[in-house]
């Protein structure tokens, strides 16, 4: 099993963009590559510690709805 952590979007991206589906293809491609390389049991922690201000993907008060929508996508 592979354990990794990653942000939901790249530096310069936003929760609003993630909520709109701007990164959906990225996540689909990542999943396909993991399966294709025999890592279908990989565990990814997306945006761990999202409530901290020390990561570029931290969630500010005005981004809560976008965060929720992003996770539902």
N, C-alpha and C. Protein backbone atom coordinates (compact mmCIF):
# COMPACT_ATOMS: atom_id res chain seq x y z
N UNK A 1 0.84 -1.17 0.00
CA UNK A 1 0.00 0.00 0.00
C UNK A 1 0.89 1.24 0.00
N UNK A 2 0.49 2.20 -0.77
CA UNK A 2 1.18 3.48 -0.83
C UNK A 2 0.36 4.47 -0.02
N UNK A 3 1.01 5.25 0.80
CA UNK A 3 0.32 6.30 1.55
C UNK A 3 0.94 7.62 1.15
N UNK A 4 0.12 8.54 0.76
CA UNK A 4 0.64 9.83 0.34
C UNK A 4 -0.32 10.94 0.70
N UNK A 5 0.16 12.13 0.70
CA UNK A 5 -0.71 13.28 0.93
C UNK A 5 -0.51 14.26 -0.20
N UNK A 6 -1.56 14.97 -0.51
CA UNK A 6 -1.49 15.89 -1.63
C UNK A 6 -2.52 17.00 -1.44
N UNK A 7 -2.25 18.12 -2.02
CA UNK A 7 -3.24 19.18 -2.03
C UNK A 7 -4.32 18.86 -3.05
N UNK A 8 -5.44 19.48 -2.94
CA UNK A 8 -6.53 19.26 -3.88
C UNK A 8 -6.29 20.03 -5.18
N UNK A 9 -5.54 21.10 -5.09
CA UNK A 9 -5.24 21.90 -6.28
C UNK A 9 -3.81 22.42 -6.20
N UNK A 10 -3.23 22.79 -7.33
CA UNK A 10 -1.84 23.28 -7.35
C UNK A 10 -1.73 24.68 -6.75
N UNK A 11 -0.52 25.07 -6.42
CA UNK A 11 -0.30 26.45 -5.96
C UNK A 11 -0.86 27.40 -7.01
N UNK A 12 -1.53 28.42 -6.56
CA UNK A 12 -2.15 29.36 -7.48
C UNK A 12 -3.58 28.98 -7.81
N UNK A 13 -3.99 27.77 -7.44
CA UNK A 13 -5.36 27.32 -7.66
C UNK A 13 -6.24 27.79 -6.51
N UNK A 14 -7.49 27.40 -6.55
CA UNK A 14 -8.41 27.84 -5.49
C UNK A 14 -9.49 26.80 -5.24
N UNK A 15 -10.13 26.93 -4.09
CA UNK A 15 -11.26 26.06 -3.77
C UNK A 15 -12.41 26.31 -4.73
N UNK A 16 -12.58 27.54 -5.18
CA UNK A 16 -13.64 27.85 -6.14
C UNK A 16 -13.41 27.09 -7.45
N UNK A 17 -12.17 27.06 -7.90
CA UNK A 17 -11.85 26.31 -9.13
C UNK A 17 -12.08 24.82 -8.92
N UNK A 18 -11.67 24.31 -7.76
CA UNK A 18 -11.87 22.89 -7.47
C UNK A 18 -13.37 22.57 -7.44
N UNK A 19 -14.15 23.45 -6.84
CA UNK A 19 -15.60 23.24 -6.76
C UNK A 19 -16.25 23.24 -8.14
N UNK A 20 -15.68 23.99 -9.07
CA UNK A 20 -16.25 24.08 -10.42
C UNK A 20 -15.87 22.88 -11.29
N UNK A 21 -14.95 22.04 -10.80
CA UNK A 21 -14.53 20.87 -11.57
C UNK A 21 -13.25 21.06 -12.35
N UNK A 22 -12.56 22.15 -12.11
CA UNK A 22 -11.34 22.46 -12.86
C UNK A 22 -10.26 21.40 -12.73
N UNK A 23 -10.27 20.63 -11.66
CA UNK A 23 -9.22 19.64 -11.43
C UNK A 23 -9.71 18.20 -11.57
N UNK A 24 -10.95 18.02 -12.01
CA UNK A 24 -11.50 16.68 -12.12
C UNK A 24 -10.66 15.78 -13.02
N UNK A 25 -10.21 16.29 -14.15
CA UNK A 25 -9.41 15.48 -15.07
C UNK A 25 -8.10 15.05 -14.42
N UNK A 26 -7.51 15.93 -13.64
CA UNK A 26 -6.27 15.60 -12.92
C UNK A 26 -6.50 14.39 -12.02
N UNK A 27 -7.58 14.40 -11.25
CA UNK A 27 -7.85 13.31 -10.31
C UNK A 27 -8.22 12.03 -11.03
N UNK A 28 -8.93 12.13 -12.14
CA UNK A 28 -9.25 10.95 -12.94
C UNK A 28 -7.96 10.33 -13.49
N UNK A 29 -7.09 11.16 -14.03
CA UNK A 29 -5.82 10.67 -14.57
C UNK A 29 -4.97 10.03 -13.47
N UNK A 30 -4.90 10.66 -12.31
CA UNK A 30 -4.14 10.09 -11.20
C UNK A 30 -4.68 8.72 -10.83
N UNK A 31 -6.00 8.59 -10.69
CA UNK A 31 -6.60 7.30 -10.36
C UNK A 31 -6.30 6.25 -11.41
N UNK A 32 -6.40 6.61 -12.67
CA UNK A 32 -6.10 5.67 -13.75
C UNK A 32 -4.64 5.22 -13.71
N UNK A 33 -3.75 6.15 -13.44
CA UNK A 33 -2.32 5.80 -13.38
C UNK A 33 -2.01 4.90 -12.18
N UNK A 34 -2.65 5.17 -11.06
CA UNK A 34 -2.44 4.31 -9.89
C UNK A 34 -2.89 2.89 -10.19
N UNK A 35 -4.07 2.74 -10.78
CA UNK A 35 -4.58 1.42 -11.12
C UNK A 35 -3.67 0.74 -12.15
N UNK A 36 -3.28 1.48 -13.17
CA UNK A 36 -2.45 0.92 -14.24
C UNK A 36 -1.09 0.44 -13.74
N UNK A 37 -0.61 1.01 -12.66
CA UNK A 37 0.69 0.61 -12.12
C UNK A 37 0.57 -0.30 -10.91
N UNK A 38 -0.61 -0.88 -10.72
CA UNK A 38 -0.79 -1.84 -9.64
C UNK A 38 -0.93 -1.23 -8.26
N UNK A 39 -1.27 0.03 -8.20
CA UNK A 39 -1.39 0.70 -6.90
C UNK A 39 -2.84 1.07 -6.59
N UNK A 40 -3.76 0.18 -7.00
CA UNK A 40 -5.18 0.49 -6.80
C UNK A 40 -5.60 0.54 -5.33
N UNK A 41 -4.76 0.07 -4.44
CA UNK A 41 -5.05 0.15 -3.00
C UNK A 41 -4.36 1.33 -2.32
N UNK A 42 -3.83 2.24 -3.11
CA UNK A 42 -3.15 3.41 -2.54
C UNK A 42 -4.14 4.22 -1.70
N UNK A 43 -3.64 4.80 -0.66
CA UNK A 43 -4.44 5.66 0.20
C UNK A 43 -3.88 7.08 0.06
N UNK A 44 -4.71 7.99 -0.38
CA UNK A 44 -4.29 9.39 -0.53
C UNK A 44 -5.03 10.24 0.48
N UNK A 45 -4.30 11.10 1.13
CA UNK A 45 -4.92 12.04 2.06
C UNK A 45 -4.94 13.40 1.37
N UNK A 46 -6.06 13.73 0.81
CA UNK A 46 -6.17 15.00 0.11
C UNK A 46 -6.47 16.15 1.05
N UNK A 47 -5.68 17.17 0.96
CA UNK A 47 -5.87 18.39 1.76
C UNK A 47 -5.94 18.11 3.25
N UNK A 48 -5.08 17.22 3.73
CA UNK A 48 -5.05 16.99 5.17
C UNK A 48 -4.66 18.29 5.87
N UNK A 49 -5.16 18.49 7.06
CA UNK A 49 -4.95 19.72 7.83
C UNK A 49 -5.40 20.95 7.04
N UNK A 50 -6.51 20.82 6.35
CA UNK A 50 -7.05 21.92 5.54
C UNK A 50 -7.43 23.13 6.38
N UNK A 51 -7.60 22.94 7.67
CA UNK A 51 -8.00 24.07 8.51
C UNK A 51 -6.81 24.85 9.06
N UNK A 52 -5.61 24.52 8.60
CA UNK A 52 -4.43 25.26 9.01
C UNK A 52 -4.05 26.29 7.95
N UNK A 53 -3.44 27.35 8.38
CA UNK A 53 -3.05 28.39 7.43
C UNK A 53 -1.63 28.20 6.89
N UNK A 54 -1.01 27.08 7.19
CA UNK A 54 0.36 26.82 6.75
C UNK A 54 0.43 26.06 5.43
N UNK A 55 -0.72 25.65 4.86
CA UNK A 55 -0.76 25.02 3.54
C UNK A 55 -1.44 25.95 2.56
N UNK A 56 -1.05 25.91 1.29
CA UNK A 56 -1.67 26.78 0.30
C UNK A 56 -3.12 26.42 0.06
N UNK A 57 -3.54 25.25 0.48
CA UNK A 57 -4.92 24.83 0.28
C UNK A 57 -5.77 24.95 1.55
N UNK A 58 -5.29 25.71 2.54
CA UNK A 58 -6.08 25.95 3.74
C UNK A 58 -7.41 26.62 3.38
N UNK A 59 -8.43 26.34 4.16
CA UNK A 59 -9.77 26.86 3.88
C UNK A 59 -10.05 28.09 4.75
N UNK A 60 -10.27 29.21 4.10
CA UNK A 60 -10.65 30.43 4.81
C UNK A 60 -12.16 30.44 5.01
N UNK A 61 -12.63 31.31 5.90
CA UNK A 61 -14.06 31.39 6.19
C UNK A 61 -14.93 31.51 4.94
N UNK A 62 -14.54 32.31 3.99
CA UNK A 62 -15.34 32.53 2.79
C UNK A 62 -15.28 31.39 1.78
N UNK A 63 -14.50 30.35 2.07
CA UNK A 63 -14.32 29.25 1.12
C UNK A 63 -14.98 27.95 1.57
N UNK A 64 -15.70 28.00 2.66
CA UNK A 64 -16.26 26.77 3.24
C UNK A 64 -17.17 26.05 2.25
N UNK A 65 -18.09 26.76 1.60
CA UNK A 65 -19.00 26.12 0.64
C UNK A 65 -18.22 25.50 -0.51
N UNK A 66 -17.22 26.20 -1.03
CA UNK A 66 -16.42 25.66 -2.12
C UNK A 66 -15.66 24.40 -1.67
N UNK A 67 -15.20 24.41 -0.44
CA UNK A 67 -14.52 23.23 0.11
C UNK A 67 -15.47 22.03 0.14
N UNK A 68 -16.68 22.25 0.61
CA UNK A 68 -17.66 21.18 0.69
C UNK A 68 -17.98 20.62 -0.69
N UNK A 69 -18.24 21.52 -1.63
CA UNK A 69 -18.55 21.11 -3.00
C UNK A 69 -17.37 20.35 -3.61
N UNK A 70 -16.16 20.82 -3.36
CA UNK A 70 -14.96 20.16 -3.89
C UNK A 70 -14.88 18.71 -3.42
N UNK A 71 -15.10 18.49 -2.15
CA UNK A 71 -15.02 17.13 -1.61
C UNK A 71 -16.13 16.26 -2.18
N UNK A 72 -17.28 16.82 -2.41
CA UNK A 72 -18.38 16.03 -2.99
C UNK A 72 -18.10 15.64 -4.42
N UNK A 73 -17.33 16.47 -5.12
CA UNK A 73 -16.99 16.14 -6.52
C UNK A 73 -16.16 14.88 -6.51
